[in-house]
N, C-alpha and C. Protein backbone atom coordinates (compact mmCIF):
# COMPACT_ATOMS: atom_id res chain seq x y z
N MET A 1 -30.85 76.68 157.54
CA MET A 1 -29.72 76.78 157.34
C MET A 1 -29.37 77.23 155.65
N ARG A 2 -29.93 76.22 154.60
CA ARG A 2 -30.06 76.75 152.98
C ARG A 2 -30.47 78.29 152.68
N ARG A 3 -31.18 78.61 153.75
CA ARG A 3 -31.78 80.35 153.07
C ARG A 3 -30.06 80.98 154.10
N GLN A 4 -29.91 80.90 154.95
CA GLN A 4 -28.43 81.61 155.14
C GLN A 4 -27.56 81.49 153.83
N LYS A 5 -26.92 79.84 154.01
CA LYS A 5 -25.90 80.20 152.87
C LYS A 5 -26.53 80.53 151.35
N ALA A 6 -27.98 80.89 151.50
CA ALA A 6 -27.83 81.60 149.35
C ALA A 6 -27.78 82.93 150.22
N LEU A 7 -27.89 83.44 151.32
CA LEU A 7 -28.70 84.81 151.37
C LEU A 7 -27.01 85.25 151.90
N LEU A 8 -25.75 84.00 152.33
CA LEU A 8 -24.78 84.76 152.28
C LEU A 8 -23.79 84.54 150.74
N ALA A 9 -24.35 83.80 150.11
CA ALA A 9 -23.43 83.66 148.82
C ALA A 9 -23.58 85.02 148.20
N GLY A 10 -25.50 85.08 148.41
CA GLY A 10 -25.26 86.45 147.25
C GLY A 10 -24.66 88.10 147.82
N LEU A 11 -24.46 88.19 149.05
CA LEU A 11 -23.82 89.37 149.74
C LEU A 11 -22.36 89.11 149.50
N GLU A 12 -21.92 87.58 149.58
CA GLU A 12 -20.39 87.89 148.27
C GLU A 12 -20.39 88.47 147.45
N ARG A 13 -21.44 88.13 146.55
CA ARG A 13 -21.22 88.16 145.65
C ARG A 13 -21.33 90.10 145.64
N ILE A 14 -22.11 90.22 146.25
CA ILE A 14 -22.34 91.85 145.79
C ILE A 14 -21.24 92.51 146.30
N ALA A 15 -20.72 91.87 147.49
CA ALA A 15 -19.27 92.68 148.22
C ALA A 15 -18.18 91.78 147.09
N ARG A 16 -17.88 91.28 146.39
CA ARG A 16 -17.01 91.06 145.55
C ARG A 16 -17.37 91.50 144.30
N LEU A 17 -18.40 92.28 143.57
CA LEU A 17 -18.77 93.38 142.65
C LEU A 17 -18.26 94.54 143.10
N LYS A 18 -18.69 95.22 144.14
CA LYS A 18 -18.02 96.82 144.88
C LYS A 18 -16.82 96.62 144.99
N ALA A 19 -16.53 95.24 145.32
CA ALA A 19 -14.94 95.23 145.43
C ALA A 19 -13.88 95.53 144.12
N ASP A 20 -14.58 94.88 143.53
CA ASP A 20 -14.11 94.65 142.29
C ASP A 20 -14.38 96.08 141.61
N LEU A 21 -15.36 97.19 141.34
CA LEU A 21 -15.60 98.47 141.00
C LEU A 21 -14.44 99.21 141.83
N GLU A 22 -14.43 99.03 143.31
CA GLU A 22 -13.40 100.02 144.34
C GLU A 22 -12.09 99.86 142.97
N MET A 23 -11.41 98.14 143.04
CA MET A 23 -10.06 98.21 142.17
C MET A 23 -10.29 98.91 141.40
N GLN A 24 -11.39 98.87 139.97
CA GLN A 24 -11.23 99.27 139.02
C GLN A 24 -10.95 100.73 139.04
N ARG A 25 -11.40 101.23 140.41
CA ARG A 25 -11.32 102.73 140.27
C ARG A 25 -10.06 102.94 140.64
N LEU A 26 -9.55 102.50 141.54
CA LEU A 26 -7.96 103.21 142.00
C LEU A 26 -6.94 102.66 141.58
N ALA A 27 -7.40 101.73 139.86
CA ALA A 27 -6.18 101.14 139.03
C ALA A 27 -6.64 102.53 138.65
N VAL A 28 -7.09 102.85 137.78
CA VAL A 28 -7.56 103.87 137.19
C VAL A 28 -6.82 105.71 137.64
N LEU A 29 -7.07 105.87 139.29
CA LEU A 29 -6.78 106.64 139.72
C LEU A 29 -4.82 106.16 139.76
N ARG A 30 -4.59 104.93 140.16
CA ARG A 30 -3.36 105.15 140.27
C ARG A 30 -2.60 105.67 138.36
N THR A 31 -2.72 104.94 137.90
CA THR A 31 -2.58 105.84 136.29
C THR A 31 -1.77 107.03 135.94
N HIS A 32 -2.97 107.66 136.51
CA HIS A 32 -3.60 109.02 136.20
C HIS A 32 -2.50 109.50 137.42
N VAL A 33 -2.27 108.85 138.77
CA VAL A 33 -1.16 109.67 139.41
C VAL A 33 0.26 109.72 139.02
N GLY A 34 0.70 107.78 138.45
CA GLY A 34 1.46 107.66 137.44
C GLY A 34 1.86 108.16 136.80
N ALA A 35 1.18 108.69 136.18
CA ALA A 35 1.72 109.92 135.16
C ALA A 35 1.73 111.33 135.17
N ALA A 36 1.59 111.89 136.17
CA ALA A 36 1.11 113.12 136.55
C ALA A 36 3.24 112.89 137.71
N GLU A 37 3.36 111.39 138.11
CA GLU A 37 4.42 111.76 138.76
C GLU A 37 5.91 111.35 137.91
N ARG A 38 5.39 111.08 136.47
CA ARG A 38 5.91 110.68 135.23
C ARG A 38 6.82 111.95 135.34
N ARG A 39 5.10 112.60 135.26
CA ARG A 39 5.69 114.31 134.41
C ARG A 39 7.02 115.37 134.94
N VAL A 40 6.65 115.24 136.56
CA VAL A 40 7.17 115.49 137.61
C VAL A 40 8.24 115.21 137.57
N ALA A 41 8.76 114.38 137.32
CA ALA A 41 10.21 113.81 137.71
C ALA A 41 11.11 114.18 135.85
N GLN A 42 10.35 114.22 134.70
CA GLN A 42 11.17 114.40 133.19
C GLN A 42 10.61 116.22 133.52
N LEU A 43 10.35 116.91 134.17
CA LEU A 43 10.24 118.32 133.87
C LEU A 43 11.32 118.55 135.02
N LYS A 44 12.02 117.69 136.62
CA LYS A 44 13.14 118.50 136.78
C LYS A 44 14.07 117.78 136.12
N ALA A 45 14.08 116.86 135.55
CA ALA A 45 15.79 116.20 134.67
C ALA A 45 15.69 117.04 133.77
N GLU A 46 14.80 117.34 133.16
CA GLU A 46 14.62 119.16 131.76
C GLU A 46 15.60 120.42 132.24
N LEU A 47 15.62 120.11 133.66
CA LEU A 47 15.81 121.43 134.65
C LEU A 47 17.24 121.34 134.94
N ASP A 48 17.14 119.91 135.61
CA ASP A 48 18.59 119.82 135.52
C ASP A 48 19.92 119.91 134.34
N THR A 49 19.09 119.52 133.71
CA THR A 49 19.47 119.00 132.50
C THR A 49 20.22 120.99 131.48
N ILE A 50 19.29 122.08 132.06
CA ILE A 50 19.64 123.23 131.79
C ILE A 50 21.13 123.78 131.93
N TYR A 51 21.00 123.68 133.75
CA TYR A 51 21.91 123.99 134.00
C TYR A 51 23.36 123.37 134.03
N ARG A 52 23.04 121.27 133.09
CA ARG A 52 23.92 120.98 133.83
C ARG A 52 24.70 120.91 131.81
N THR A 53 25.32 121.77 131.56
CA THR A 53 25.67 122.12 130.30
C THR A 53 27.21 122.22 129.81
N ASP A 54 27.72 121.46 129.36
CA ASP A 54 29.49 121.69 129.24
C ASP A 54 29.46 122.15 128.12
N THR A 55 29.00 123.40 127.37
CA THR A 55 29.23 124.52 126.94
C THR A 55 30.22 125.72 127.65
N SER A 56 30.72 126.47 127.12
CA SER A 56 31.28 128.10 127.32
C SER A 56 29.83 129.37 127.71
N PHE A 57 30.46 129.50 129.06
CA PHE A 57 29.58 130.91 129.38
C PHE A 57 29.67 131.88 128.20
N THR A 58 28.26 132.75 127.87
CA THR A 58 28.06 133.38 126.95
C THR A 58 26.72 134.37 128.05
N LEU A 59 27.02 135.25 127.18
CA LEU A 59 25.74 136.10 128.44
C LEU A 59 24.61 135.82 127.25
N ALA A 60 24.77 135.29 125.95
CA ALA A 60 22.82 135.06 125.33
C ALA A 60 22.78 133.47 125.57
N GLY A 61 23.64 132.58 125.83
CA GLY A 61 23.90 131.53 126.80
C GLY A 61 22.94 131.57 127.66
N ALA A 62 23.57 132.73 129.05
CA ALA A 62 22.90 132.30 130.31
C ALA A 62 21.42 132.88 130.02
N ARG A 63 21.32 134.03 129.52
CA ARG A 63 19.97 134.35 129.24
C ARG A 63 18.89 133.75 128.77
N LEU A 64 19.28 132.70 127.81
CA LEU A 64 18.29 131.36 127.19
C LEU A 64 18.42 130.35 128.10
N ALA A 65 19.33 129.94 128.95
CA ALA A 65 18.89 129.43 130.12
C ALA A 65 17.83 130.04 131.26
N ASN A 66 18.22 131.25 131.51
CA ASN A 66 16.99 131.49 132.59
C ASN A 66 16.18 131.69 131.99
N ALA A 67 15.90 131.83 130.99
CA ALA A 67 14.30 132.00 129.96
C ALA A 67 13.88 130.47 129.90
N LEU A 68 14.43 129.38 130.08
CA LEU A 68 14.19 128.11 129.73
C LEU A 68 13.67 127.41 131.33
N ALA A 69 14.75 127.65 132.06
CA ALA A 69 14.18 127.56 133.63
C ALA A 69 13.30 127.92 134.26
N GLY A 70 12.81 129.39 133.59
CA GLY A 70 11.69 129.85 134.47
C GLY A 70 10.20 129.31 133.41
N GLU A 71 10.63 128.76 132.72
CA GLU A 71 9.35 127.80 131.66
C GLU A 71 8.84 126.90 132.67
N TYR A 72 10.39 126.42 132.60
CA TYR A 72 10.36 124.83 133.15
C TYR A 72 10.03 125.11 135.08
N CYS A 73 10.45 125.88 135.57
CA CYS A 73 9.91 125.85 136.96
C CYS A 73 8.18 126.06 137.08
N ARG A 74 7.75 127.08 135.97
CA ARG A 74 6.60 127.29 135.95
C ARG A 74 5.22 125.69 136.14
N ALA A 75 6.27 125.40 135.02
CA ALA A 75 5.63 123.44 134.18
C ALA A 75 5.32 123.11 135.58
N LEU A 76 6.87 122.70 136.11
CA LEU A 76 7.24 121.98 136.88
C LEU A 76 5.81 122.37 138.58
N LEU A 77 5.83 123.53 138.95
CA LEU A 77 4.83 123.57 139.82
C LEU A 77 4.02 123.61 139.57
N THR A 78 3.32 123.89 138.11
CA THR A 78 1.76 123.63 137.45
C THR A 78 1.71 121.57 137.92
N ALA A 79 2.40 120.61 137.94
CA ALA A 79 2.67 119.34 137.32
C ALA A 79 2.80 119.19 139.22
N GLU A 80 3.34 119.25 140.22
CA GLU A 80 3.51 119.15 141.58
C GLU A 80 2.06 119.35 142.36
N GLN A 81 1.62 120.81 141.88
CA GLN A 81 0.08 121.30 142.08
C GLN A 81 -0.95 120.32 141.54
N GLU A 82 -0.71 119.91 140.77
CA GLU A 82 -1.96 118.92 140.28
C GLU A 82 -1.69 117.22 141.24
N LEU A 83 -0.63 116.82 140.89
CA LEU A 83 -0.40 116.22 141.36
C LEU A 83 -0.63 115.70 142.92
N ALA A 84 -0.43 116.44 143.61
CA ALA A 84 -0.53 117.01 145.00
C ALA A 84 -2.19 116.72 145.51
N GLY A 85 -2.86 117.62 143.60
CA GLY A 85 -4.49 117.65 144.24
C GLY A 85 -4.89 116.13 143.82
N MET A 86 -3.77 115.16 142.95
CA MET A 86 -4.55 114.31 142.94
C MET A 86 -4.23 113.29 144.09
N LEU A 87 -3.90 113.25 144.77
CA LEU A 87 -2.66 112.56 145.82
C LEU A 87 -4.19 112.15 147.07
N PRO A 88 -5.14 113.31 147.62
CA PRO A 88 -5.83 112.52 148.42
C PRO A 88 -6.92 111.75 148.04
N GLY A 89 -7.12 112.26 146.61
CA GLY A 89 -8.56 111.20 146.34
C GLY A 89 -8.20 110.14 146.17
N TYR A 90 -6.65 109.38 145.59
CA TYR A 90 -5.78 108.13 145.55
C TYR A 90 -6.20 107.46 146.83
N GLU A 91 -5.64 108.93 148.42
CA GLU A 91 -5.86 107.71 148.99
C GLU A 91 -7.16 106.62 149.84
N LEU A 92 -8.37 108.01 149.54
CA LEU A 92 -9.08 107.98 149.85
C LEU A 92 -9.83 106.61 148.51
N ALA A 93 -10.03 106.51 147.58
CA ALA A 93 -9.56 105.33 146.79
C ALA A 93 -9.24 103.68 146.94
N ARG A 94 -7.56 103.84 147.62
CA ARG A 94 -7.21 103.03 148.27
C ARG A 94 -7.75 102.64 149.18
N GLN A 95 -8.00 103.24 150.44
CA GLN A 95 -8.32 102.55 151.58
C GLN A 95 -10.19 102.38 151.61
N ALA A 96 -11.00 103.29 150.00
CA ALA A 96 -12.52 102.04 149.72
C ALA A 96 -12.07 101.05 148.98
N ALA A 97 -11.20 100.71 148.56
CA ALA A 97 -10.34 99.75 148.02
C ALA A 97 -10.66 98.37 148.98
N ALA A 98 -9.46 98.76 149.53
CA ALA A 98 -9.40 98.18 150.74
C ALA A 98 -10.43 97.63 151.25
N ARG A 99 -11.24 98.27 152.34
CA ARG A 99 -12.72 98.19 152.81
C ARG A 99 -13.12 96.81 152.44
N GLU A 100 -13.38 97.19 150.68
CA GLU A 100 -15.09 96.36 150.20
C GLU A 100 -14.88 95.38 149.57
N PHE A 101 -12.92 95.26 149.64
CA PHE A 101 -12.65 93.66 149.83
C PHE A 101 -12.20 93.31 151.05
N GLY A 102 -11.76 93.75 152.42
CA GLY A 102 -11.98 93.17 153.30
C GLY A 102 -13.46 92.53 154.10
N ARG A 103 -14.61 93.21 153.44
CA ARG A 103 -16.21 93.03 153.59
C ARG A 103 -15.87 91.74 152.84
N ALA A 104 -15.92 91.69 151.65
CA ALA A 104 -16.13 90.56 150.90
C ALA A 104 -15.34 89.29 151.15
N GLU A 105 -13.88 89.79 151.73
CA GLU A 105 -13.21 88.71 152.56
C GLU A 105 -13.86 88.26 153.84
N ALA A 106 -14.22 88.95 154.39
CA ALA A 106 -15.35 88.73 155.77
C ALA A 106 -16.45 87.49 156.09
N VAL A 107 -16.96 88.14 153.97
CA VAL A 107 -18.70 87.87 153.78
C VAL A 107 -17.86 86.35 153.87
N ARG A 108 -16.78 85.87 153.50
CA ARG A 108 -16.87 84.57 152.63
C ARG A 108 -15.93 83.57 153.68
N ALA A 109 -15.39 83.98 155.01
CA ALA A 109 -15.05 83.80 156.25
C ALA A 109 -16.41 83.09 156.57
N LEU A 110 -17.09 84.21 156.90
CA LEU A 110 -18.34 83.72 157.71
C LEU A 110 -19.40 82.44 156.58
N GLN A 111 -19.77 83.09 155.26
CA GLN A 111 -20.35 81.67 154.41
C GLN A 111 -19.09 80.40 155.44
N GLN A 112 -17.85 80.30 154.85
CA GLN A 112 -17.34 79.49 154.81
C GLN A 112 -17.09 78.70 156.68
N ARG A 113 -17.48 79.45 157.19
CA ARG A 113 -18.02 78.47 158.89
C ARG A 113 -19.34 78.45 159.09
N LEU A 114 -20.34 78.60 158.35
CA LEU A 114 -21.57 78.79 158.38
C LEU A 114 -21.99 77.23 156.97
N ALA A 115 -20.79 77.10 156.74
CA ALA A 115 -20.85 76.18 155.95
C ALA A 115 -20.35 74.25 156.58
N SER A 116 -18.84 75.05 157.22
CA SER A 116 -18.53 73.71 158.10
C SER A 116 -19.29 73.49 159.24
N LYS A 117 -19.74 74.26 160.02
CA LYS A 117 -20.57 74.43 161.15
C LYS A 117 -21.84 73.01 161.29
N PRO A 118 -22.82 73.36 160.12
CA PRO A 118 -23.42 71.98 159.99
C PRO A 118 -22.32 70.75 160.25
N ARG A 119 -21.55 70.29 159.30
CA ARG A 119 -21.00 68.68 159.77
C ARG A 119 -20.23 69.38 160.85
N ALA A 120 -20.20 70.12 161.59
CA ALA A 120 -19.60 69.81 163.25
C ALA A 120 -20.59 68.97 163.98
N ASP A 121 -22.03 69.68 163.79
CA ASP A 121 -23.45 69.44 164.93
C ASP A 121 -23.97 68.42 164.56
N GLN A 122 -23.41 67.67 162.76
CA GLN A 122 -24.12 66.44 162.24
C GLN A 122 -23.32 65.51 163.36
N GLY A 123 -21.58 65.54 163.29
CA GLY A 123 -21.20 64.82 163.99
C GLY A 123 -21.24 64.52 164.80
N SER A 124 -21.58 65.51 165.68
CA SER A 124 -21.87 65.14 167.34
C SER A 124 -23.06 65.31 167.71
N ALA A 125 -24.20 65.09 166.51
CA ALA A 125 -25.62 65.18 166.95
C ALA A 125 -25.47 64.11 167.08
N GLN A 126 -24.74 62.55 166.27
CA GLN A 126 -25.12 60.99 166.17
C GLN A 126 -24.70 60.28 167.64
N PRO A 127 -25.14 59.44 167.41
CA PRO A 127 -24.25 58.59 168.54
C PRO A 127 -23.70 57.19 168.42
């Protein structure tokens, strides 16, 4: 019984280490995804600002606005594609972190159940 407890304790440590690694990986990916989301929002705001101006309409101003809008649209499209490319990996990392955390919790629960079992067996074995 003592050997099983030691083995489960070792398994729990390994499971916790794996869960910590997956959580760290998820945190790094979340940082990158957050930066990409902020970049997309920033580009959308800048694009919106180009057309929401209070200055009077001039041909030169319209040309400048259209040129800037074209640049921002291309940058926005690139940023959205980068974000879309990150999301599947982020989702897989999130699932892996949840799975590893669940494994660690399951081993801990098994270890606790095994630790409480001898006490119950000892109490019923005595006359």
